[in-house]
Amino acid sequence: MKQKFHVYNILLTTGEYLENIRIEGPLEDHFSGVAVSLFPVEDIEGKTIVLSIFHIVKADLIKVEE
């Protein structure tokens, strides 16, 4: 089964707006427990960014890629 990538625009508590962030699977799947607070994501250029769940204010799903 092919993994789906979800593409989001994400607003952080710092006011920074990250566009076209690719995440393997839905965003909520990465917050399965209390111990999970950091996770790597990819921007549109393929650069890895590590996000903290405590800094995400809003995440808008743009599209799902297969």
C-alpha atoms as a PDB file:
ATOM      1  CA  MET A   1       0.000   0.000   0.000  1.00  0.00           C
ATOM      2  CA  LYS A   2       1.365   3.395  -0.983  1.00  0.00           C
ATOM      3  CA  GLN A   3       1.864   5.940   1.769  1.00  0.00           C
ATOM      4  CA  LYS A   4      -0.063   9.183   1.383  1.00  0.00           C
ATOM      5  CA  PHE A   5       1.602  12.537   1.980  1.00  0.00           C
ATOM      6  CA  HIS A   6      -0.509  15.350   3.374  1.00  0.00           C
ATOM      7  CA  VAL A   7       0.463  18.904   2.443  1.00  0.00           C
ATOM      8  CA  TYR A   8      -0.299  21.654   4.970  1.00  0.00           C
ATOM      9  CA  ASN A   9       0.140  25.374   5.451  1.00  0.00           C
ATOM     10  CA  ILE A  10       1.109  25.799   9.111  1.00  0.00           C
ATOM     11  CA  LEU A  11       1.012  28.893  11.336  1.00  0.00           C
ATOM     12  CA  LEU A  12       3.440  28.840  14.292  1.00  0.00           C
ATOM     13  CA  THR A  13       3.267  30.698  17.622  1.00  0.00           C
ATOM     14  CA  THR A  14       6.194  32.834  16.429  1.00  0.00           C
ATOM     15  CA  GLY A  15       4.010  34.202  13.622  1.00  0.00           C
ATOM     16  CA  GLU A  16       5.988  32.299  11.004  1.00  0.00           C
ATOM     17  CA  TYR A  17       3.797  30.831   8.253  1.00  0.00           C
ATOM     18  CA  LEU A  18       5.138  27.638   6.676  1.00  0.00           C
ATOM     19  CA  GLU A  19       3.648  26.811   3.286  1.00  0.00           C
ATOM     20  CA  ASN A  20       3.434  23.474   1.482  1.00  0.00           C
ATOM     21  CA  ILE A  21       4.771  21.328   4.324  1.00  0.00           C
ATOM     22  CA  ARG A  22       4.681  17.617   3.409  1.00  0.00           C
ATOM     23  CA  ILE A  23       3.943  15.129   6.165  1.00  0.00           C
ATOM     24  CA  GLU A  24       3.750  11.365   5.780  1.00  0.00           C
ATOM     25  CA  GLY A  25       0.182  10.585   6.813  1.00  0.00           C
ATOM     26  CA  PRO A  26      -2.261  12.939   8.549  1.00  0.00           C
ATOM     27  CA  LEU A  27      -0.869  15.479  11.015  1.00  0.00           C
ATOM     28  CA  GLU A  28      -2.894  14.097  13.926  1.00  0.00           C
ATOM     29  CA  ASP A  29      -1.233  10.677  13.533  1.00  0.00           C
ATOM     30  CA  HIS A  30       2.064  12.240  14.675  1.00  0.00           C
ATOM     31  CA  PHE A  31       0.622  13.263  18.054  1.00  0.00           C
ATOM     32  CA  SER A  32      -0.290   9.839  19.344  1.00  0.00           C
ATOM     33  CA  GLY A  33       0.965  10.325  22.887  1.00  0.00           C
ATOM     34  CA  VAL A  34       2.303  12.693  25.503  1.00  0.00           C
ATOM     35  CA  ALA A  35       5.934  11.770  24.783  1.00  0.00           C
ATOM     36  CA  VAL A  36       5.736  12.909  21.157  1.00  0.00           C
ATOM     37  CA  SER A  37       6.506  16.612  20.872  1.00  0.00           C
ATOM     38  CA  LEU A  38       8.976  16.916  17.971  1.00  0.00           C
ATOM     39  CA  PHE A  39       8.670  15.454  14.497  1.00  0.00           C
ATOM     40  CA  PRO A  40      10.431  16.021  11.154  1.00  0.00           C
ATOM     41  CA  VAL A  41       8.546  17.364   8.120  1.00  0.00           C
ATOM     42  CA  GLU A  42       9.577  18.383   4.600  1.00  0.00           C
ATOM     43  CA  ASP A  43       9.113  21.732   2.896  1.00  0.00           C
ATOM     44  CA  ILE A  44       8.366  22.111  -0.824  1.00  0.00           C
ATOM     45  CA  GLU A  45      12.103  22.104  -1.643  1.00  0.00           C
ATOM     46  CA  GLY A  46      12.679  18.822   0.200  1.00  0.00           C
ATOM     47  CA  LYS A  47      14.413  20.470   3.173  1.00  0.00           C
ATOM     48  CA  THR A  48      13.706  18.804   6.538  1.00  0.00           C
ATOM     49  CA  ILE A  49      12.252  20.953   9.314  1.00  0.00           C
ATOM     50  CA  VAL A  50      11.629  19.704  12.858  1.00  0.00           C
ATOM     51  CA  LEU A  51       8.356  21.006  14.279  1.00  0.00           C
ATOM     52  CA  SER A  52       7.147  21.035  17.864  1.00  0.00           C
ATOM     53  CA  ILE A  53       3.483  20.342  18.555  1.00  0.00           C
ATOM     54  CA  PHE A  54       3.537  23.177  21.087  1.00  0.00           C
ATOM     55  CA  HIS A  55       4.363  25.771  18.406  1.00  0.00           C
ATOM     56  CA  ILE A  56       1.624  24.910  15.910  1.00  0.00           C
ATOM     57  CA  VAL A  57      -1.282  27.347  16.100  1.00  0.00           C
ATOM     58  CA  LYS A  58      -3.130  26.306  12.959  1.00  0.00           C
ATOM     59  CA  ALA A  59      -2.604  23.783  10.169  1.00  0.00           C
ATOM     60  CA  ASP A  60      -4.647  23.955   6.959  1.00  0.00           C
ATOM     61  CA  LEU A  61      -4.720  20.820   4.814  1.00  0.00           C
ATOM     62  CA  ILE A  62      -4.007  21.843   1.210  1.00  0.00           C
ATOM     63  CA  LYS A  63      -3.944  18.482  -0.576  1.00  0.00           C
ATOM     64  CA  VAL A  64      -3.213  14.776  -0.240  1.00  0.00           C
ATOM     65  CA  GLU A  65      -0.559  13.232  -2.518  1.00  0.00           C
ATOM     66  CA  GLU A  66      -0.346   9.521  -3.231  1.00  0.00           C
END
